[in-house]
Amino acid sequence: MTITPGLYRITTRLRPDALIGVDPHILSAIKPVVVAIPRFSPEGTTWRVLEEDGQLYLLLVHTANTRSEEDKVYAYYSEPGERWRIDGNPGPGEYSTVSRDHRFWYLPNAADLTQVELRPMGTIPEEGYYFNFERLVE
């Protein structure tokens, strides 16, 4: 499956039933991208993927642009987003999300509210590097 522009839900191989998103109840212009908890609204876990040039994508969650800061992934409202590469992986629907400096989205564990980090991928990738992109009907 190839990623195309549209709406998605993102989960992790570590815990396929847990969505990745932001807490829509936090009143801040910068929100951490985390493993969602049940009280998050669907808007907090709905992602919009926008293709930039055929290889790079903007990823928005709850209308906020994602980008990295200090090796963590955040959603920024009213600020530019980072362009990400999305690479397919062996599992169906599994992808790794890569920054321009070749660091990968990574979850050290899948506990509620664990923030997505950025790390270089080792020679034997751990499960925390793999995310599922589930396309939603618009």
N, C-alpha and C. Protein backbone atom coordinates (compact mmCIF):
# COMPACT_ATOMS: atom_id res chain seq x y z
N MET A 1 0.85 -1.19 0.00
CA MET A 1 0.00 0.00 0.00
C MET A 1 0.88 1.24 0.00
N THR A 2 0.56 2.19 -0.83
CA THR A 2 1.28 3.45 -0.90
C THR A 2 0.49 4.52 -0.17
N ILE A 3 1.20 5.39 0.51
CA ILE A 3 0.54 6.50 1.18
C ILE A 3 0.16 7.54 0.13
N THR A 4 -1.09 7.94 0.15
CA THR A 4 -1.59 8.99 -0.74
C THR A 4 -2.20 10.07 0.14
N PRO A 5 -2.32 11.30 -0.36
CA PRO A 5 -2.92 12.35 0.45
C PRO A 5 -4.32 11.96 0.93
N GLY A 6 -4.64 12.33 2.14
CA GLY A 6 -5.95 12.03 2.70
C GLY A 6 -5.92 11.94 4.20
N LEU A 7 -7.00 11.40 4.76
CA LEU A 7 -7.15 11.25 6.20
C LEU A 7 -6.76 9.84 6.64
N TYR A 8 -6.09 9.76 7.79
CA TYR A 8 -5.61 8.49 8.31
C TYR A 8 -5.76 8.43 9.83
N ARG A 9 -5.73 7.22 10.33
CA ARG A 9 -5.49 6.94 11.74
C ARG A 9 -4.13 6.25 11.78
N ILE A 10 -3.32 6.61 12.77
CA ILE A 10 -2.00 6.00 12.91
C ILE A 10 -1.96 5.22 14.22
N THR A 11 -1.49 3.98 14.13
CA THR A 11 -1.29 3.15 15.31
C THR A 11 0.16 2.66 15.31
N THR A 12 0.54 1.92 16.34
CA THR A 12 1.89 1.39 16.44
C THR A 12 1.87 -0.13 16.45
N ARG A 13 2.92 -0.72 15.91
CA ARG A 13 3.03 -2.18 15.94
C ARG A 13 3.09 -2.67 17.39
N LEU A 14 3.63 -1.84 18.29
CA LEU A 14 3.74 -2.22 19.70
C LEU A 14 2.38 -2.49 20.34
N ARG A 15 1.38 -1.72 19.89
CA ARG A 15 0.03 -1.84 20.47
C ARG A 15 -0.97 -1.40 19.40
N PRO A 16 -1.36 -2.31 18.52
CA PRO A 16 -2.19 -1.95 17.37
C PRO A 16 -3.54 -1.32 17.70
N ASP A 17 -4.04 -1.50 18.92
CA ASP A 17 -5.33 -0.91 19.28
C ASP A 17 -5.20 0.53 19.77
N ALA A 18 -3.98 1.01 19.96
CA ALA A 18 -3.76 2.37 20.48
C ALA A 18 -3.48 3.34 19.34
N LEU A 19 -4.21 4.44 19.31
CA LEU A 19 -4.02 5.46 18.29
C LEU A 19 -2.92 6.44 18.70
N ILE A 20 -2.30 7.05 17.70
CA ILE A 20 -1.32 8.10 17.93
C ILE A 20 -2.01 9.42 17.64
N GLY A 21 -1.78 10.43 18.48
CA GLY A 21 -2.42 11.73 18.26
C GLY A 21 -2.00 12.75 19.29
N VAL A 22 -2.85 13.75 19.47
CA VAL A 22 -2.62 14.82 20.45
C VAL A 22 -3.86 14.94 21.33
N ASP A 23 -3.65 15.44 22.53
CA ASP A 23 -4.76 15.65 23.46
C ASP A 23 -5.46 16.96 23.08
N PRO A 24 -6.66 16.90 22.52
CA PRO A 24 -7.35 18.12 22.10
C PRO A 24 -7.77 19.00 23.28
N HIS A 25 -7.69 18.48 24.50
CA HIS A 25 -8.08 19.26 25.67
C HIS A 25 -6.95 20.14 26.20
N ILE A 26 -5.71 19.90 25.76
CA ILE A 26 -4.59 20.75 26.16
C ILE A 26 -4.74 22.08 25.44
N LEU A 27 -4.76 23.15 26.19
CA LEU A 27 -4.91 24.49 25.60
C LEU A 27 -3.53 25.10 25.40
N SER A 28 -2.87 24.67 24.35
CA SER A 28 -1.53 25.14 24.04
C SER A 28 -1.36 25.12 22.53
N ALA A 29 -0.51 26.01 22.02
CA ALA A 29 -0.24 26.06 20.58
C ALA A 29 0.77 24.99 20.17
N ILE A 30 1.36 24.31 21.14
CA ILE A 30 2.31 23.22 20.88
C ILE A 30 1.87 22.04 21.73
N LYS A 31 1.64 20.90 21.07
CA LYS A 31 1.18 19.71 21.79
C LYS A 31 2.08 18.53 21.46
N PRO A 32 2.40 17.69 22.45
CA PRO A 32 3.18 16.49 22.15
C PRO A 32 2.35 15.47 21.38
N VAL A 33 2.99 14.78 20.45
CA VAL A 33 2.35 13.67 19.72
C VAL A 33 2.58 12.42 20.56
N VAL A 34 1.49 11.78 20.99
CA VAL A 34 1.56 10.71 21.99
C VAL A 34 0.67 9.52 21.64
N VAL A 35 0.81 8.46 22.43
CA VAL A 35 -0.13 7.34 22.39
C VAL A 35 -1.41 7.86 23.06
N ALA A 36 -2.50 7.85 22.32
CA ALA A 36 -3.76 8.44 22.79
C ALA A 36 -4.39 7.60 23.89
N ILE A 37 -5.17 8.29 24.72
CA ILE A 37 -5.98 7.62 25.73
C ILE A 37 -7.44 7.74 25.32
N PRO A 38 -8.33 6.93 25.88
CA PRO A 38 -9.73 6.90 25.42
C PRO A 38 -10.45 8.25 25.45
N ARG A 39 -10.07 9.17 26.32
CA ARG A 39 -10.81 10.43 26.39
C ARG A 39 -10.47 11.39 25.24
N PHE A 40 -9.46 11.07 24.45
CA PHE A 40 -9.16 11.91 23.29
C PHE A 40 -10.32 11.82 22.31
N SER A 41 -10.68 12.94 21.73
CA SER A 41 -11.74 12.93 20.72
C SER A 41 -11.18 12.38 19.41
N PRO A 42 -12.06 11.94 18.51
CA PRO A 42 -11.57 11.46 17.20
C PRO A 42 -10.73 12.51 16.47
N GLU A 43 -11.04 13.79 16.65
CA GLU A 43 -10.27 14.84 15.99
C GLU A 43 -8.81 14.83 16.44
N GLY A 44 -8.56 14.43 17.68
CA GLY A 44 -7.20 14.38 18.20
C GLY A 44 -6.38 13.23 17.67
N THR A 45 -7.03 12.29 17.00
CA THR A 45 -6.32 11.13 16.45
C THR A 45 -6.55 10.95 14.95
N THR A 46 -7.06 11.98 14.31
CA THR A 46 -7.24 11.95 12.85
C THR A 46 -6.11 12.75 12.22
N TRP A 47 -5.43 12.11 11.31
CA TRP A 47 -4.27 12.71 10.64
C TRP A 47 -4.62 13.07 9.21
N ARG A 48 -4.12 14.20 8.75
CA ARG A 48 -4.21 14.58 7.34
C ARG A 48 -2.80 14.49 6.77
N VAL A 49 -2.67 13.72 5.70
CA VAL A 49 -1.39 13.56 5.02
C VAL A 49 -1.46 14.39 3.74
N LEU A 50 -0.51 15.30 3.58
CA LEU A 50 -0.43 16.14 2.39
C LEU A 50 0.88 15.85 1.68
N GLU A 51 0.79 15.51 0.41
CA GLU A 51 2.00 15.21 -0.37
C GLU A 51 2.65 16.52 -0.78
N GLU A 52 3.96 16.59 -0.60
CA GLU A 52 4.69 17.80 -0.94
C GLU A 52 5.34 17.72 -2.32
N ASP A 53 6.07 16.66 -2.59
CA ASP A 53 6.78 16.57 -3.86
C ASP A 53 6.90 15.14 -4.39
N GLY A 54 6.02 14.28 -3.94
CA GLY A 54 6.08 12.89 -4.38
C GLY A 54 6.88 11.99 -3.46
N GLN A 55 7.75 12.58 -2.64
CA GLN A 55 8.56 11.79 -1.72
C GLN A 55 8.45 12.28 -0.28
N LEU A 56 8.07 13.52 -0.10
CA LEU A 56 7.97 14.09 1.24
C LEU A 56 6.53 14.49 1.53
N TYR A 57 6.15 14.40 2.80
CA TYR A 57 4.77 14.66 3.21
C TYR A 57 4.73 15.58 4.42
N LEU A 58 3.68 16.38 4.47
CA LEU A 58 3.34 17.10 5.69
C LEU A 58 2.33 16.24 6.43
N LEU A 59 2.50 16.09 7.73
CA LEU A 59 1.58 15.31 8.56
C LEU A 59 0.94 16.26 9.56
N LEU A 60 -0.39 16.37 9.48
CA LEU A 60 -1.14 17.24 10.38
C LEU A 60 -2.05 16.39 11.25
N VAL A 61 -2.14 16.76 12.53
CA VAL A 61 -3.06 16.10 13.44
C VAL A 61 -3.82 17.20 14.18
N HIS A 62 -5.14 17.07 14.24
CA HIS A 62 -5.99 18.09 14.89
C HIS A 62 -5.69 19.46 14.29
N THR A 63 -5.48 19.54 12.98
CA THR A 63 -5.16 20.72 12.17
C THR A 63 -3.79 21.33 12.48
N ALA A 64 -2.96 20.66 13.25
CA ALA A 64 -1.64 21.19 13.60
C ALA A 64 -0.55 20.47 12.81
N ASN A 65 0.46 21.22 12.40
CA ASN A 65 1.60 20.67 11.67
C ASN A 65 2.56 19.97 12.61
N THR A 66 3.07 18.81 12.20
CA THR A 66 4.03 18.11 13.04
C THR A 66 5.45 18.49 12.66
N ARG A 67 6.29 18.52 13.68
CA ARG A 67 7.72 18.70 13.47
C ARG A 67 8.46 18.28 14.74
N SER A 68 9.75 18.13 14.59
CA SER A 68 10.55 17.65 15.72
C SER A 68 11.20 18.80 16.46
N GLU A 69 11.41 18.55 17.73
CA GLU A 69 12.16 19.47 18.56
C GLU A 69 12.76 18.66 19.70
N GLU A 70 14.07 18.79 19.86
CA GLU A 70 14.79 18.07 20.91
C GLU A 70 14.47 16.58 20.91
N ASP A 71 14.52 15.98 19.72
CA ASP A 71 14.32 14.53 19.54
C ASP A 71 12.94 14.02 19.93
N LYS A 72 11.94 14.87 19.89
CA LYS A 72 10.55 14.47 20.14
C LYS A 72 9.69 15.07 19.04
N VAL A 73 8.49 14.49 18.84
CA VAL A 73 7.58 14.98 17.81
C VAL A 73 6.45 15.75 18.48
N TYR A 74 6.19 16.95 17.95
CA TYR A 74 5.16 17.84 18.46
C TYR A 74 4.24 18.27 17.32
N ALA A 75 3.06 18.74 17.69
CA ALA A 75 2.12 19.34 16.74
C ALA A 75 2.07 20.84 17.05
N TYR A 76 2.27 21.65 16.03
CA TYR A 76 2.32 23.11 16.17
C TYR A 76 1.16 23.73 15.42
N TYR A 77 0.41 24.57 16.09
CA TYR A 77 -0.67 25.30 15.46
C TYR A 77 -0.11 26.62 14.92
N SER A 78 -0.49 26.98 13.71
CA SER A 78 -0.10 28.25 13.08
C SER A 78 1.40 28.39 12.88
N GLU A 79 2.11 27.29 12.78
CA GLU A 79 3.53 27.33 12.47
C GLU A 79 3.81 26.29 11.39
N PRO A 80 4.88 26.48 10.62
CA PRO A 80 5.18 25.53 9.55
C PRO A 80 5.49 24.13 10.09
N GLY A 81 5.20 23.14 9.27
CA GLY A 81 5.49 21.76 9.65
C GLY A 81 6.74 21.24 8.97
N GLU A 82 7.23 20.15 9.47
CA GLU A 82 8.39 19.47 8.91
C GLU A 82 7.91 18.55 7.79
N ARG A 83 8.74 18.36 6.80
CA ARG A 83 8.43 17.43 5.72
C ARG A 83 9.06 16.08 6.07
N TRP A 84 8.24 15.04 6.00
CA TRP A 84 8.65 13.69 6.40
C TRP A 84 8.65 12.76 5.19
N ARG A 85 9.54 11.79 5.22
CA ARG A 85 9.51 10.70 4.25
C ARG A 85 8.79 9.54 4.93
N ILE A 86 7.92 8.86 4.20
CA ILE A 86 7.19 7.72 4.75
C ILE A 86 7.60 6.49 3.95
N ASP A 87 8.31 5.59 4.62
CA ASP A 87 8.83 4.38 3.96
C ASP A 87 7.97 3.17 4.29
N GLY A 88 7.67 2.35 3.29
CA GLY A 88 6.95 1.10 3.52
C GLY A 88 7.83 0.09 4.23
N ASN A 89 7.21 -0.82 4.96
CA ASN A 89 7.91 -1.86 5.70
C ASN A 89 7.31 -3.21 5.36
N PRO A 90 7.94 -4.30 5.85
CA PRO A 90 7.47 -5.64 5.49
C PRO A 90 6.02 -5.94 5.86
N GLY A 91 5.54 -5.45 6.99
CA GLY A 91 4.17 -5.75 7.41
C GLY A 91 3.16 -4.98 6.58
N PRO A 92 1.98 -5.54 6.35
CA PRO A 92 0.96 -4.83 5.58
C PRO A 92 0.51 -3.56 6.30
N GLY A 93 0.55 -2.45 5.58
CA GLY A 93 0.12 -1.17 6.15
C GLY A 93 1.11 -0.55 7.11
N GLU A 94 2.30 -1.16 7.26
CA GLU A 94 3.29 -0.63 8.20
C GLU A 94 4.27 0.30 7.50
N TYR A 95 4.62 1.36 8.21
CA TYR A 95 5.53 2.36 7.66
C TYR A 95 6.46 2.86 8.74
N SER A 96 7.57 3.43 8.30
CA SER A 96 8.41 4.20 9.20
C SER A 96 8.41 5.63 8.67
N THR A 97 8.42 6.57 9.59
CA THR A 97 8.36 7.98 9.25
C THR A 97 9.73 8.58 9.55
N VAL A 98 10.32 9.24 8.55
CA VAL A 98 11.71 9.63 8.63
C VAL A 98 11.86 11.14 8.42
N SER A 99 12.69 11.77 9.26
CA SER A 99 12.98 13.20 9.12
C SER A 99 14.03 13.40 8.03
N ARG A 100 14.25 14.64 7.66
CA ARG A 100 15.24 14.94 6.62
C ARG A 100 16.66 14.60 7.06
N ASP A 101 16.90 14.58 8.38
CA ASP A 101 18.23 14.22 8.86
C ASP A 101 18.32 12.73 9.22
N HIS A 102 17.40 11.94 8.67
CA HIS A 102 17.41 10.47 8.75
C HIS A 102 17.20 9.92 10.16
N ARG A 103 16.40 10.61 10.94
CA ARG A 103 15.96 10.08 12.22
C ARG A 103 14.52 9.60 12.06
N PHE A 104 14.16 8.55 12.74
CA PHE A 104 12.88 7.88 12.56
C PHE A 104 11.97 8.12 13.76
N TRP A 105 10.65 8.18 13.48
CA TRP A 105 9.68 8.17 14.57
C TRP A 105 9.91 6.89 15.35
N TYR A 106 9.85 7.00 16.68
CA TYR A 106 10.12 5.84 17.53
C TYR A 106 9.30 5.96 18.81
N LEU A 107 8.73 4.84 19.23
CA LEU A 107 8.06 4.76 20.53
C LEU A 107 8.85 3.78 21.40
N PRO A 108 9.37 4.25 22.55
CA PRO A 108 10.11 3.34 23.43
C PRO A 108 9.20 2.29 24.06
N ASN A 109 7.92 2.61 24.20
CA ASN A 109 6.91 1.67 24.69
C ASN A 109 5.55 2.20 24.24
N ALA A 110 4.51 1.44 24.48
CA ALA A 110 3.18 1.84 24.01
C ALA A 110 2.24 2.19 25.15
N ALA A 111 2.81 2.60 26.29
CA ALA A 111 1.97 3.01 27.41
C ALA A 111 1.23 4.30 27.05
N ASP A 112 0.05 4.49 27.63
CA ASP A 112 -0.73 5.70 27.39
C ASP A 112 0.14 6.94 27.59
N LEU A 113 -0.01 7.90 26.68
CA LEU A 113 0.64 9.21 26.72
C LEU A 113 2.15 9.18 26.48
N THR A 114 2.70 8.04 26.04
CA THR A 114 4.11 8.00 25.67
C THR A 114 4.30 8.85 24.42
N GLN A 115 5.27 9.76 24.46
CA GLN A 115 5.49 10.66 23.33
C GLN A 115 6.34 10.00 22.25
N VAL A 116 6.00 10.30 20.99
CA VAL A 116 6.78 9.83 19.85
C VAL A 116 8.11 10.57 19.86
N GLU A 117 9.19 9.80 19.73
CA GLU A 117 10.54 10.35 19.72
C GLU A 117 11.13 10.23 18.32
N LEU A 118 12.31 10.82 18.15
CA LEU A 118 13.08 10.65 16.92
C LEU A 118 14.41 10.01 17.27
N ARG A 119 14.75 8.94 16.54
CA ARG A 119 16.00 8.23 16.79
C ARG A 119 16.54 7.70 15.47
N PRO A 120 17.87 7.54 15.40
CA PRO A 120 18.40 6.83 14.24
C PRO A 120 18.01 5.36 14.35
N MET A 121 17.78 4.71 13.22
CA MET A 121 17.40 3.30 13.25
C MET A 121 18.67 2.45 13.23
N GLY A 122 18.72 1.47 14.11
CA GLY A 122 19.85 0.56 14.17
C GLY A 122 19.79 -0.46 13.05
N THR A 123 20.76 -1.35 13.03
CA THR A 123 20.81 -2.37 11.99
C THR A 123 19.70 -3.39 12.14
N ILE A 124 19.26 -3.63 13.38
CA ILE A 124 18.11 -4.51 13.62
C ILE A 124 17.00 -3.65 14.22
N PRO A 125 16.07 -3.18 13.39
CA PRO A 125 15.03 -2.26 13.88
C PRO A 125 14.12 -2.91 14.92
N GLU A 126 13.80 -2.15 15.94
CA GLU A 126 12.87 -2.60 16.97
C GLU A 126 11.44 -2.31 16.51
N GLU A 127 10.48 -2.95 17.16
CA GLU A 127 9.07 -2.75 16.80
C GLU A 127 8.63 -1.30 16.98
N GLY A 128 9.26 -0.57 17.89
CA GLY A 128 8.87 0.82 18.16
C GLY A 128 9.03 1.76 16.99
N TYR A 129 9.71 1.33 15.93
CA TYR A 129 9.90 2.17 14.74
C TYR A 129 8.76 2.04 13.73
N TYR A 130 7.87 1.08 13.92
CA TYR A 130 6.86 0.79 12.90
C TYR A 130 5.48 1.28 13.29
N PHE A 131 4.85 1.97 12.35
CA PHE A 131 3.53 2.55 12.56
C PHE A 131 2.61 2.10 11.43
N ASN A 132 1.35 1.90 11.76
CA ASN A 132 0.34 1.54 10.77
C ASN A 132 -0.45 2.78 10.37
N PHE A 133 -0.63 2.98 9.09
CA PHE A 133 -1.43 4.08 8.57
C PHE A 133 -2.71 3.47 8.01
N GLU A 134 -3.83 3.77 8.65
CA GLU A 134 -5.13 3.25 8.21
C GLU A 134 -5.89 4.38 7.51
N ARG A 135 -6.14 4.21 6.24
CA ARG A 135 -6.82 5.23 5.44
C ARG A 135 -8.28 5.34 5.86
N LEU A 136 -8.77 6.57 6.04
CA LEU A 136 -10.17 6.82 6.41
C LEU A 136 -10.93 7.31 5.19
N VAL A 137 -12.21 7.03 5.15
CA VAL A 137 -13.07 7.51 4.07
C VAL A 137 -13.38 8.97 4.35
N GLU A 138 -13.19 9.81 3.34
CA GLU A 138 -13.45 11.25 3.53
C GLU A 138 -14.85 11.59 3.08
